[in-house]
Amino acid sequence: MSDSEDRERARQRAAVVFAVRSGQITAKEGARRLGVSRKTYYEWESRALQAMTEAMEDRAPGRPGMP
């Protein structure tokens, strides 16, 4: 699978997570759309929300130091 296909699949998964979190569809429906169990859906949702939280944390300004 190519990088662009991986990115597209990730975008589709993210769209489903956002649809579930915004109340547009149920987690059961989200899992069905993704072709996974609800347990797997909730694992993916948890990872997605954790990654988004980490991405939104404040970081020190400027370029990182050289090791």
PDB file of N, CA and C in Angstrom:
ATOM      1  N   MET A   1       0.838  -1.173   0.000  1.00  0.00           N
ATOM      2  CA  MET A   1       0.000   0.000   0.000  1.00  0.00           C
ATOM      3  C   MET A   1       0.889   1.244   0.000  1.00  0.00           C
ATOM      4  N   SER A   2       0.526   2.233  -0.796  1.00  0.00           N
ATOM      5  CA  SER A   2       1.350   3.429  -0.911  1.00  0.00           C
ATOM      6  C   SER A   2       1.069   4.405   0.233  1.00  0.00           C
ATOM      7  N   ASP A   3       1.967   5.364   0.395  1.00  0.00           N
ATOM      8  CA  ASP A   3       1.785   6.384   1.436  1.00  0.00           C
ATOM      9  C   ASP A   3       0.497   7.158   1.220  1.00  0.00           C
ATOM     10  N   SER A   4       0.172   7.483  -0.034  1.00  0.00           N
ATOM     11  CA  SER A   4      -1.052   8.246  -0.296  1.00  0.00           C
ATOM     12  C   SER A   4      -2.291   7.424   0.040  1.00  0.00           C
ATOM     13  N   GLU A   5      -2.246   6.128  -0.184  1.00  0.00           N
ATOM     14  CA  GLU A   5      -3.371   5.268   0.190  1.00  0.00           C
ATOM     15  C   GLU A   5      -3.495   5.168   1.701  1.00  0.00           C
ATOM     16  N   ASP A   6      -2.353   5.091   2.395  1.00  0.00           N
ATOM     17  CA  ASP A   6      -2.366   5.073   3.866  1.00  0.00           C
ATOM     18  C   ASP A   6      -2.965   6.360   4.409  1.00  0.00           C
ATOM     19  N   ARG A   7      -2.570   7.498   3.843  1.00  0.00           N
ATOM     20  CA  ARG A   7      -3.094   8.792   4.296  1.00  0.00           C
ATOM     21  C   ARG A   7      -4.594   8.890   4.048  1.00  0.00           C
ATOM     22  N   GLU A   8      -5.049   8.418   2.904  1.00  0.00           N
ATOM     23  CA  GLU A   8      -6.478   8.466   2.591  1.00  0.00           C
ATOM     24  C   GLU A   8      -7.267   7.591   3.551  1.00  0.00           C
ATOM     25  N   ARG A   9      -6.760   6.412   3.843  1.00  0.00           N
ATOM     26  CA  ARG A   9      -7.426   5.530   4.805  1.00  0.00           C
ATOM     27  C   ARG A   9      -7.472   6.194   6.191  1.00  0.00           C
ATOM     28  N   ALA A  10      -6.396   6.836   6.588  1.00  0.00           N
ATOM     29  CA  ALA A  10      -6.370   7.533   7.880  1.00  0.00           C
ATOM     30  C   ALA A  10      -7.372   8.681   7.892  1.00  0.00           C
ATOM     31  N   ARG A  11      -7.477   9.416   6.779  1.00  0.00           N
ATOM     32  CA  ARG A  11      -8.465  10.512   6.695  1.00  0.00           C
ATOM     33  C   ARG A  11      -9.887   9.973   6.832  1.00  0.00           C
ATOM     34  N   GLN A  12     -10.158   8.856   6.189  1.00  0.00           N
ATOM     35  CA  GLN A  12     -11.488   8.251   6.280  1.00  0.00           C
ATOM     36  C   GLN A  12     -11.793   7.829   7.716  1.00  0.00           C
ATOM     37  N   ARG A  13     -10.821   7.242   8.378  1.00  0.00           N
ATOM     38  CA  ARG A  13     -11.013   6.839   9.771  1.00  0.00           C
ATOM     39  C   ARG A  13     -11.259   8.068  10.649  1.00  0.00           C
ATOM     40  N   ALA A  14     -10.484   9.121  10.426  1.00  0.00           N
ATOM     41  CA  ALA A  14     -10.658  10.349  11.208  1.00  0.00           C
ATOM     42  C   ALA A  14     -12.045  10.943  10.976  1.00  0.00           C
ATOM     43  N   ALA A  15     -12.514  10.928   9.742  1.00  0.00           N
ATOM     44  CA  ALA A  15     -13.844  11.460   9.433  1.00  0.00           C
ATOM     45  C   ALA A  15     -14.921  10.694  10.193  1.00  0.00           C
ATOM     46  N   VAL A  16     -14.766   9.378  10.292  1.00  0.00           N
ATOM     47  CA  VAL A  16     -15.734   8.571  11.029  1.00  0.00           C
ATOM     48  C   VAL A  16     -15.658   8.901  12.518  1.00  0.00           C
ATOM     49  N   VAL A  17     -14.455   9.030  13.062  1.00  0.00           N
ATOM     50  CA  VAL A  17     -14.313   9.380  14.481  1.00  0.00           C
ATOM     51  C   VAL A  17     -14.986  10.724  14.758  1.00  0.00           C
ATOM     52  N   PHE A  18     -14.763  11.722  13.906  1.00  0.00           N
ATOM     53  CA  PHE A  18     -15.400  13.021  14.098  1.00  0.00           C
ATOM     54  C   PHE A  18     -16.918  12.918  13.995  1.00  0.00           C
ATOM     55  N   ALA A  19     -17.420  12.093  13.079  1.00  0.00           N
ATOM     56  CA  ALA A  19     -18.868  11.916  12.938  1.00  0.00           C
ATOM     57  C   ALA A  19     -19.466  11.296  14.197  1.00  0.00           C
ATOM     58  N   VAL A  20     -18.761  10.324  14.761  1.00  0.00           N
ATOM     59  CA  VAL A  20     -19.246   9.702  15.998  1.00  0.00           C
ATOM     60  C   VAL A  20     -19.193  10.702  17.140  1.00  0.00           C
ATOM     61  N   ARG A  21     -18.069  11.375  17.300  1.00  0.00           N
ATOM     62  CA  ARG A  21     -17.905  12.299  18.423  1.00  0.00           C
ATOM     63  C   ARG A  21     -18.865  13.476  18.355  1.00  0.00           C
ATOM     64  N   SER A  22     -19.286  13.860  17.148  1.00  0.00           N
ATOM     65  CA  SER A  22     -20.221  14.986  17.008  1.00  0.00           C
ATOM     66  C   SER A  22     -21.678  14.535  17.071  1.00  0.00           C
ATOM     67  N   GLY A  23     -21.903  13.232  17.236  1.00  0.00           N
ATOM     68  CA  GLY A  23     -23.256  12.724  17.384  1.00  0.00           C
ATOM     69  C   GLY A  23     -23.994  12.473  16.077  1.00  0.00           C
ATOM     70  N   GLN A  24     -23.299  12.562  14.962  1.00  0.00           N
ATOM     71  CA  GLN A  24     -23.948  12.333  13.672  1.00  0.00           C
ATOM     72  C   GLN A  24     -24.271  10.857  13.457  1.00  0.00           C
ATOM     73  N   ILE A  25     -23.410   9.980  13.962  1.00  0.00           N
ATOM     74  CA  ILE A  25     -23.626   8.534  13.869  1.00  0.00           C
ATOM     75  C   ILE A  25     -23.223   7.906  15.192  1.00  0.00           C
ATOM     76  N   THR A  26     -23.639   6.672  15.398  1.00  0.00           N
ATOM     77  CA  THR A  26     -23.275   5.951  16.620  1.00  0.00           C
ATOM     78  C   THR A  26     -21.912   5.279  16.443  1.00  0.00           C
ATOM     79  N   ALA A  27     -21.329   4.878  17.552  1.00  0.00           N
ATOM     80  CA  ALA A  27     -20.066   4.137  17.486  1.00  0.00           C
ATOM     81  C   ALA A  27     -20.283   2.813  16.765  1.00  0.00           C
ATOM     82  N   LYS A  28     -21.434   2.207  16.964  1.00  0.00           N
ATOM     83  CA  LYS A  28     -21.748   0.954  16.273  1.00  0.00           C
ATOM     84  C   LYS A  28     -21.738   1.177  14.756  1.00  0.00           C
ATOM     85  N   GLU A  29     -22.360   2.270  14.312  1.00  0.00           N
ATOM     86  CA  GLU A  29     -22.382   2.592  12.882  1.00  0.00           C
ATOM     87  C   GLU A  29     -20.976   2.935  12.388  1.00  0.00           C
ATOM     88  N   GLY A  30     -20.210   3.668  13.197  1.00  0.00           N
ATOM     89  CA  GLY A  30     -18.836   3.997  12.816  1.00  0.00           C
ATOM     90  C   GLY A  30     -17.997   2.747  12.617  1.00  0.00           C
ATOM     91  N   ALA A  31     -18.132   1.806  13.537  1.00  0.00           N
ATOM     92  CA  ALA A  31     -17.396   0.541  13.423  1.00  0.00           C
ATOM     93  C   ALA A  31     -17.822  -0.208  12.166  1.00  0.00           C
ATOM     94  N   ARG A  32     -19.122  -0.215  11.889  1.00  0.00           N
ATOM     95  CA  ARG A  32     -19.616  -0.900  10.693  1.00  0.00           C
ATOM     96  C   ARG A  32     -19.036  -0.267   9.431  1.00  0.00           C
ATOM     97  N   ARG A  33     -19.017   1.065   9.375  1.00  0.00           N
ATOM     98  CA  ARG A  33     -18.478   1.756   8.197  1.00  0.00           C
ATOM     99  C   ARG A  33     -17.000   1.453   7.986  1.00  0.00           C
ATOM    100  N   LEU A  34     -16.291   1.276   9.075  1.00  0.00           N
ATOM    101  CA  LEU A  34     -14.861   0.994   8.977  1.00  0.00           C
ATOM    102  C   LEU A  34     -14.564  -0.496   8.845  1.00  0.00           C
ATOM    103  N   GLY A  35     -15.575  -1.313   9.019  1.00  0.00           N
ATOM    104  CA  GLY A  35     -15.388  -2.751   8.881  1.00  0.00           C
ATOM    105  C   GLY A  35     -14.630  -3.380  10.027  1.00  0.00           C
ATOM    106  N   VAL A  36     -14.820  -2.825  11.234  1.00  0.00           N
ATOM    107  CA  VAL A  36     -14.126  -3.341  12.416  1.00  0.00           C
ATOM    108  C   VAL A  36     -15.130  -3.530  13.548  1.00  0.00           C
ATOM    109  N   SER A  37     -14.689  -4.176  14.615  1.00  0.00           N
ATOM    110  CA  SER A  37     -15.541  -4.337  15.793  1.00  0.00           C
ATOM    111  C   SER A  37     -15.638  -3.002  16.533  1.00  0.00           C
ATOM    112  N   ARG A  38     -16.648  -2.893  17.410  1.00  0.00           N
ATOM    113  CA  ARG A  38     -16.744  -1.680  18.224  1.00  0.00           C
ATOM    114  C   ARG A  38     -15.520  -1.539  19.128  1.00  0.00           C
ATOM    115  N   LYS A  39     -14.995  -2.643  19.621  1.00  0.00           N
ATOM    116  CA  LYS A  39     -13.795  -2.584  20.463  1.00  0.00           C
ATOM    117  C   LYS A  39     -12.639  -1.950  19.695  1.00  0.00           C
ATOM    118  N   THR A  40     -12.430  -2.395  18.453  1.00  0.00           N
ATOM    119  CA  THR A  40     -11.354  -1.829  17.631  1.00  0.00           C
ATOM    120  C   THR A  40     -11.640  -0.369  17.327  1.00  0.00           C
ATOM    121  N   TYR A  41     -12.910  -0.052  17.030  1.00  0.00           N
ATOM    122  CA  TYR A  41     -13.252   1.351  16.774  1.00  0.00           C
ATOM    123  C   TYR A  41     -12.863   2.211  17.975  1.00  0.00           C
ATOM    124  N   TYR A  42     -13.253   1.785  19.185  1.00  0.00           N
ATOM    125  CA  TYR A  42     -12.945   2.578  20.376  1.00  0.00           C
ATOM    126  C   TYR A  42     -11.437   2.694  20.614  1.00  0.00           C
ATOM    127  N   GLU A  43     -10.673   1.667  20.275  1.00  0.00           N
ATOM    128  CA  GLU A  43      -9.210   1.753  20.391  1.00  0.00           C
ATOM    129  C   GLU A  43      -8.670   2.808  19.430  1.00  0.00           C
ATOM    130  N   TRP A  44      -9.166   2.796  18.187  1.00  0.00           N
ATOM    131  CA  TRP A  44      -8.730   3.787  17.201  1.00  0.00           C
ATOM    132  C   TRP A  44      -9.146   5.194  17.629  1.00  0.00           C
ATOM    133  N   GLU A  45     -10.365   5.323  18.148  1.00  0.00           N
ATOM    134  CA  GLU A  45     -10.846   6.630  18.595  1.00  0.00           C
ATOM    135  C   GLU A  45      -9.956   7.167  19.720  1.00  0.00           C
ATOM    136  N   SER A  46      -9.624   6.303  20.650  1.00  0.00           N
ATOM    137  CA  SER A  46      -8.764   6.708  21.766  1.00  0.00           C
ATOM    138  C   SER A  46      -7.401   7.177  21.266  1.00  0.00           C
ATOM    139  N   ARG A  47      -6.805   6.423  20.349  1.00  0.00           N
ATOM    140  CA  ARG A  47      -5.501   6.819  19.789  1.00  0.00           C
ATOM    141  C   ARG A  47      -5.607   8.150  19.061  1.00  0.00           C
ATOM    142  N   ALA A  48      -6.690   8.329  18.313  1.00  0.00           N
ATOM    143  CA  ALA A  48      -6.869   9.572  17.544  1.00  0.00           C
ATOM    144  C   ALA A  48      -7.006  10.765  18.474  1.00  0.00           C
ATOM    145  N   LEU A  49      -7.805  10.629  19.510  1.00  0.00           N
ATOM    146  CA  LEU A  49      -8.005  11.741  20.442  1.00  0.00           C
ATOM    147  C   LEU A  49      -6.727  12.049  21.220  1.00  0.00           C
ATOM    148  N   GLN A  50      -5.974  11.010  21.581  1.00  0.00           N
ATOM    149  CA  GLN A  50      -4.702  11.222  22.276  1.00  0.00           C
ATOM    150  C   GLN A  50      -3.715  11.962  21.382  1.00  0.00           C
ATOM    151  N   ALA A  51      -3.633  11.555  20.126  1.00  0.00           N
ATOM    152  CA  ALA A  51      -2.713  12.206  19.187  1.00  0.00           C
ATOM    153  C   ALA A  51      -3.105  13.665  18.966  1.00  0.00           C
ATOM    154  N   MET A  52      -4.406  13.923  18.867  1.00  0.00           N
ATOM    155  CA  MET A  52      -4.863  15.294  18.666  1.00  0.00           C
ATOM    156  C   MET A  52      -4.547  16.143  19.900  1.00  0.00           C
ATOM    157  N   THR A  53      -4.747  15.584  21.070  1.00  0.00           N
ATOM    158  CA  THR A  53      -4.430  16.309  22.306  1.00  0.00           C
ATOM    159  C   THR A  53      -2.944  16.649  22.359  1.00  0.00           C
ATOM    160  N   GLU A  54      -2.092  15.686  22.043  1.00  0.00           N
ATOM    161  CA  GLU A  54      -0.650  15.927  22.052  1.00  0.00           C
ATOM    162  C   GLU A  54      -0.256  16.964  21.001  1.00  0.00           C
ATOM    163  N   ALA A  55      -0.898  16.933  19.850  1.00  0.00           N
ATOM    164  CA  ALA A  55      -0.583  17.889  18.782  1.00  0.00           C
ATOM    165  C   ALA A  55      -0.966  19.308  19.177  1.00  0.00           C
ATOM    166  N   MET A  56      -1.931  19.459  20.081  1.00  0.00           N
ATOM    167  CA  MET A  56      -2.403  20.781  20.470  1.00  0.00           C
ATOM    168  C   MET A  56      -1.682  21.359  21.694  1.00  0.00           C
ATOM    169  N   GLU A  57      -0.770  20.585  22.274  1.00  0.00           N
ATOM    170  CA  GLU A  57      -0.023  21.073  23.434  1.00  0.00           C
ATOM    171  C   GLU A  57       0.941  22.177  23.008  1.00  0.00           C
ATOM    172  N   ASP A  58       1.140  23.132  23.905  1.00  0.00           N
ATOM    173  CA  ASP A  58       2.110  24.195  23.640  1.00  0.00           C
ATOM    174  C   ASP A  58       3.510  23.602  23.568  1.00  0.00           C
ATOM    175  N   ARG A  59       4.303  24.174  22.687  1.00  0.00           N
ATOM    176  CA  ARG A  59       5.696  23.746  22.538  1.00  0.00           C
ATOM    177  C   ARG A  59       6.592  24.966  22.678  1.00  0.00           C
ATOM    178  N   ALA A  60       7.836  24.707  23.030  1.00  0.00           N
ATOM    179  CA  ALA A  60       8.788  25.804  23.142  1.00  0.00           C
ATOM    180  C   ALA A  60       8.963  26.452  21.766  1.00  0.00           C
ATOM    181  N   PRO A  61       9.022  27.771  21.724  1.00  0.00           N
ATOM    182  CA  PRO A  61       9.196  28.434  20.434  1.00  0.00           C
ATOM    183  C   PRO A  61      10.602  28.188  19.868  1.00  0.00           C
ATOM    184  N   GLY A  62      10.701  28.307  18.566  1.00  0.00           N
ATOM    185  CA  GLY A  62      11.996  28.206  17.914  1.00  0.00           C
ATOM    186  C   GLY A  62      12.360  26.793  17.513  1.00  0.00           C
ATOM    187  N   ARG A  63      13.490  26.708  16.889  1.00  0.00           N
ATOM    188  CA  ARG A  63      13.993  25.442  16.403  1.00  0.00           C
ATOM    189  C   ARG A  63      14.553  24.615  17.554  1.00  0.00           C
ATOM    190  N   PRO A  64      14.345  23.276  17.532  1.00  0.00           N
ATOM    191  CA  PRO A  64      14.916  22.440  18.599  1.00  0.00           C
ATOM    192  C   PRO A  64      16.447  22.522  18.591  1.00  0.00           C
ATOM    193  N   GLY A  65      17.041  22.377  19.753  1.00  0.00           N
ATOM    194  CA  GLY A  65      18.502  22.415  19.861  1.00  0.00           C
ATOM    195  C   GLY A  65      19.166  21.228  19.195  1.00  0.00           C
ATOM    196  N   MET A  66      20.405  21.383  18.853  1.00  0.00           N
ATOM    197  CA  MET A  66      21.188  20.295  18.230  1.00  0.00           C
ATOM    198  C   MET A  66      21.737  19.400  19.334  1.00  0.00           C
ATOM    199  N   PRO A  67      21.683  18.091  19.148  1.00  0.00           N
ATOM    200  CA  PRO A  67      22.218  17.182  20.183  1.00  0.00           C
ATOM    201  C   PRO A  67      23.735  17.244  20.265  1.00  0.00           C
TER     202      PRO A  67
END
